[in-house]
Amino acid sequence: MLNTAVAVLTLDEAITLQNSLMLYDTIDIVFEDILGNDTIMMMLEMDQTTLDMMHDDVVDMALAILGDIQTIADFDFANLTWEQEEALSSFMFMIEDILYPQPEYIPE
């Protein structure tokens, strides 16, 4: 649990307003300038509506993650309540799923 606490506290320190804005600017660049390129959209067989929905989903996920980090960073890690332990575990499982996605099993 100590490693998790250190990771969350480190991330919380890094999440300044300037860094948050840079993250959202980067998301916009990826979706508008790169994925929004007509050739790329055609190769991905994607229309603008789908791309906009994906953009919104990524922004929502980033907002949720940043909010969770800020909430968890306020925990007293030496005296966690059961609810805080659950929130911390859920957060770490979510991050693990993002960093190490498991292939979807499709039965034959």
C-alpha atoms as a PDB file:
ATOM      1  CA  MET A   1       0.000   0.000   0.000  1.00  0.00           C
ATOM      2  CA  LEU A   2       2.963   2.318   0.626  1.00  0.00           C
ATOM      3  CA  ASN A   3       4.011   2.214  -3.046  1.00  0.00           C
ATOM      4  CA  THR A   4       0.486   3.137  -4.073  1.00  0.00           C
ATOM      5  CA  ALA A   5       0.415   6.031  -1.616  1.00  0.00           C
ATOM      6  CA  VAL A   6       3.727   7.349  -2.912  1.00  0.00           C
ATOM      7  CA  ALA A   7       2.515   7.061  -6.517  1.00  0.00           C
ATOM      8  CA  VAL A   8      -0.752   8.885  -5.796  1.00  0.00           C
ATOM      9  CA  LEU A   9       0.944  11.646  -3.791  1.00  0.00           C
ATOM     10  CA  THR A  10       3.550  12.104  -6.532  1.00  0.00           C
ATOM     11  CA  LEU A  11       0.866  12.337  -9.204  1.00  0.00           C
ATOM     12  CA  ASP A  12      -1.106  14.784  -7.082  1.00  0.00           C
ATOM     13  CA  GLU A  13       1.940  17.054  -6.843  1.00  0.00           C
ATOM     14  CA  ALA A  14       2.354  16.893 -10.628  1.00  0.00           C
ATOM     15  CA  ILE A  15      -1.265  17.774 -11.356  1.00  0.00           C
ATOM     16  CA  THR A  16      -0.940  21.524 -11.439  1.00  0.00           C
ATOM     17  CA  LEU A  17      -3.387  23.676 -13.355  1.00  0.00           C
ATOM     18  CA  GLN A  18      -0.756  24.198 -16.037  1.00  0.00           C
ATOM     19  CA  ASN A  19      -0.114  20.447 -16.398  1.00  0.00           C
ATOM     20  CA  SER A  20      -3.838  19.685 -16.486  1.00  0.00           C
ATOM     21  CA  LEU A  21      -4.351  22.241 -19.245  1.00  0.00           C
ATOM     22  CA  MET A  22      -1.395  20.766 -21.141  1.00  0.00           C
ATOM     23  CA  LEU A  23      -2.990  17.313 -20.882  1.00  0.00           C
ATOM     24  CA  TYR A  24      -6.298  18.571 -22.309  1.00  0.00           C
ATOM     25  CA  ASP A  25      -4.478  20.502 -25.049  1.00  0.00           C
ATOM     26  CA  THR A  26      -2.625  17.300 -25.975  1.00  0.00           C
ATOM     27  CA  ILE A  27      -5.883  15.348 -26.134  1.00  0.00           C
ATOM     28  CA  ASP A  28      -7.304  18.029 -28.440  1.00  0.00           C
ATOM     29  CA  ILE A  29      -4.225  17.909 -30.686  1.00  0.00           C
ATOM     30  CA  VAL A  30      -4.404  14.118 -30.974  1.00  0.00           C
ATOM     31  CA  PHE A  31      -8.087  14.132 -31.880  1.00  0.00           C
ATOM     32  CA  GLU A  32      -8.287  17.306 -33.970  1.00  0.00           C
ATOM     33  CA  ASP A  33      -4.959  17.411 -35.787  1.00  0.00           C
ATOM     34  CA  ILE A  34      -3.959  13.745 -35.983  1.00  0.00           C
ATOM     35  CA  LEU A  35      -7.020  11.502 -35.828  1.00  0.00           C
ATOM     36  CA  GLY A  36      -9.165  14.249 -37.392  1.00  0.00           C
ATOM     37  CA  ASN A  37      -7.081  14.189 -40.557  1.00  0.00           C
ATOM     38  CA  ASP A  38      -9.354  13.132 -43.439  1.00  0.00           C
ATOM     39  CA  THR A  39      -6.943  10.429 -44.633  1.00  0.00           C
ATOM     40  CA  ILE A  40      -6.527   8.983 -41.132  1.00  0.00           C
ATOM     41  CA  MET A  41     -10.285   9.036 -40.536  1.00  0.00           C
ATOM     42  CA  MET A  42     -10.844   7.232 -43.844  1.00  0.00           C
ATOM     43  CA  MET A  43      -8.192   4.607 -42.998  1.00  0.00           C
ATOM     44  CA  LEU A  44      -9.798   4.071 -39.586  1.00  0.00           C
ATOM     45  CA  GLU A  45     -13.259   3.970 -41.170  1.00  0.00           C
ATOM     46  CA  MET A  46     -14.380   6.613 -38.696  1.00  0.00           C
ATOM     47  CA  ASP A  47     -16.690   9.577 -39.101  1.00  0.00           C
ATOM     48  CA  GLN A  48     -16.510  12.910 -37.283  1.00  0.00           C
ATOM     49  CA  THR A  49     -19.373  12.030 -34.931  1.00  0.00           C
ATOM     50  CA  THR A  50     -17.604   8.879 -33.744  1.00  0.00           C
ATOM     51  CA  LEU A  51     -14.334  10.774 -33.350  1.00  0.00           C
ATOM     52  CA  ASP A  52     -16.087  13.479 -31.305  1.00  0.00           C
ATOM     53  CA  MET A  53     -17.649  10.829 -29.052  1.00  0.00           C
ATOM     54  CA  MET A  54     -14.239   9.193 -28.531  1.00  0.00           C
ATOM     55  CA  HIS A  55     -12.735  12.604 -27.706  1.00  0.00           C
ATOM     56  CA  ASP A  56     -15.451  13.246 -25.132  1.00  0.00           C
ATOM     57  CA  ASP A  57     -14.917   9.794 -23.592  1.00  0.00           C
ATOM     58  CA  VAL A  58     -11.161  10.387 -23.252  1.00  0.00           C
ATOM     59  CA  VAL A  59     -11.715  13.831 -21.691  1.00  0.00           C
ATOM     60  CA  ASP A  60     -14.265  12.353 -19.261  1.00  0.00           C
ATOM     61  CA  MET A  61     -11.819   9.582 -18.329  1.00  0.00           C
ATOM     62  CA  ALA A  62      -9.015  12.105 -17.764  1.00  0.00           C
ATOM     63  CA  LEU A  63     -11.286  14.252 -15.582  1.00  0.00           C
ATOM     64  CA  ALA A  64     -12.288  11.212 -13.530  1.00  0.00           C
ATOM     65  CA  ILE A  65      -8.707  10.032 -13.067  1.00  0.00           C
ATOM     66  CA  LEU A  66      -7.440  13.479 -12.072  1.00  0.00           C
ATOM     67  CA  GLY A  67     -10.347  13.896  -9.661  1.00  0.00           C
ATOM     68  CA  ASP A  68      -9.709  10.476  -8.121  1.00  0.00           C
ATOM     69  CA  ILE A  69      -6.016  11.277  -7.669  1.00  0.00           C
ATOM     70  CA  GLN A  70      -6.827  14.533  -5.903  1.00  0.00           C
ATOM     71  CA  THR A  71      -9.411  12.838  -3.670  1.00  0.00           C
ATOM     72  CA  ILE A  72      -7.174   9.903  -2.760  1.00  0.00           C
ATOM     73  CA  ALA A  73      -4.175  12.163  -2.105  1.00  0.00           C
ATOM     74  CA  ASP A  74      -6.144  13.697   0.790  1.00  0.00           C
ATOM     75  CA  PHE A  75      -6.457  10.311   2.534  1.00  0.00           C
ATOM     76  CA  ASP A  76      -4.555   9.662   5.750  1.00  0.00           C
ATOM     77  CA  PHE A  77      -2.715   6.594   4.472  1.00  0.00           C
ATOM     78  CA  ALA A  78      -1.708   5.579   8.000  1.00  0.00           C
ATOM     79  CA  ASN A  79      -5.384   5.404   9.073  1.00  0.00           C
ATOM     80  CA  LEU A  80      -7.461   4.444   6.051  1.00  0.00           C
ATOM     81  CA  THR A  81     -11.132   3.691   6.538  1.00  0.00           C
ATOM     82  CA  TRP A  82     -12.610   0.631   4.853  1.00  0.00           C
ATOM     83  CA  GLU A  83     -14.279   2.906   2.258  1.00  0.00           C
ATOM     84  CA  GLN A  84     -10.959   4.626   1.531  1.00  0.00           C
ATOM     85  CA  GLU A  85      -9.207   1.275   1.129  1.00  0.00           C
ATOM     86  CA  GLU A  86     -11.919   0.240  -1.326  1.00  0.00           C
ATOM     87  CA  ALA A  87     -11.593   3.533  -3.250  1.00  0.00           C
ATOM     88  CA  LEU A  88      -7.820   3.124  -3.393  1.00  0.00           C
ATOM     89  CA  SER A  89      -8.076  -0.479  -4.597  1.00  0.00           C
ATOM     90  CA  SER A  90     -10.658   0.429  -7.226  1.00  0.00           C
ATOM     91  CA  PHE A  91      -8.458   3.259  -8.453  1.00  0.00           C
ATOM     92  CA  MET A  92      -5.412   1.024  -8.763  1.00  0.00           C
ATOM     93  CA  PHE A  93      -7.389  -1.662 -10.633  1.00  0.00           C
ATOM     94  CA  MET A  94      -8.668   1.022 -13.022  1.00  0.00           C
ATOM     95  CA  ILE A  95      -5.133   2.278 -13.678  1.00  0.00           C
ATOM     96  CA  GLU A  96      -3.907  -1.290 -14.169  1.00  0.00           C
ATOM     97  CA  ASP A  97      -6.685  -1.913 -16.706  1.00  0.00           C
ATOM     98  CA  ILE A  98      -5.676   1.232 -18.600  1.00  0.00           C
ATOM     99  CA  LEU A  99      -1.954   0.443 -18.582  1.00  0.00           C
ATOM    100  CA  TYR A 100      -2.269  -3.313 -19.128  1.00  0.00           C
ATOM    101  CA  PRO A 101      -5.527  -4.039 -20.961  1.00  0.00           C
ATOM    102  CA  GLN A 102      -6.470  -7.671 -21.209  1.00  0.00           C
ATOM    103  CA  PRO A 103      -7.494  -8.980 -24.619  1.00  0.00           C
ATOM    104  CA  GLU A 104     -11.190  -9.615 -24.862  1.00  0.00           C
ATOM    105  CA  TYR A 105     -12.051 -13.299 -24.881  1.00  0.00           C
ATOM    106  CA  ILE A 106     -14.178 -14.255 -27.847  1.00  0.00           C
ATOM    107  CA  PRO A 107     -15.412 -17.832 -27.727  1.00  0.00           C
ATOM    108  CA  GLU A 108     -15.101 -19.774 -30.961  1.00  0.00           C
END
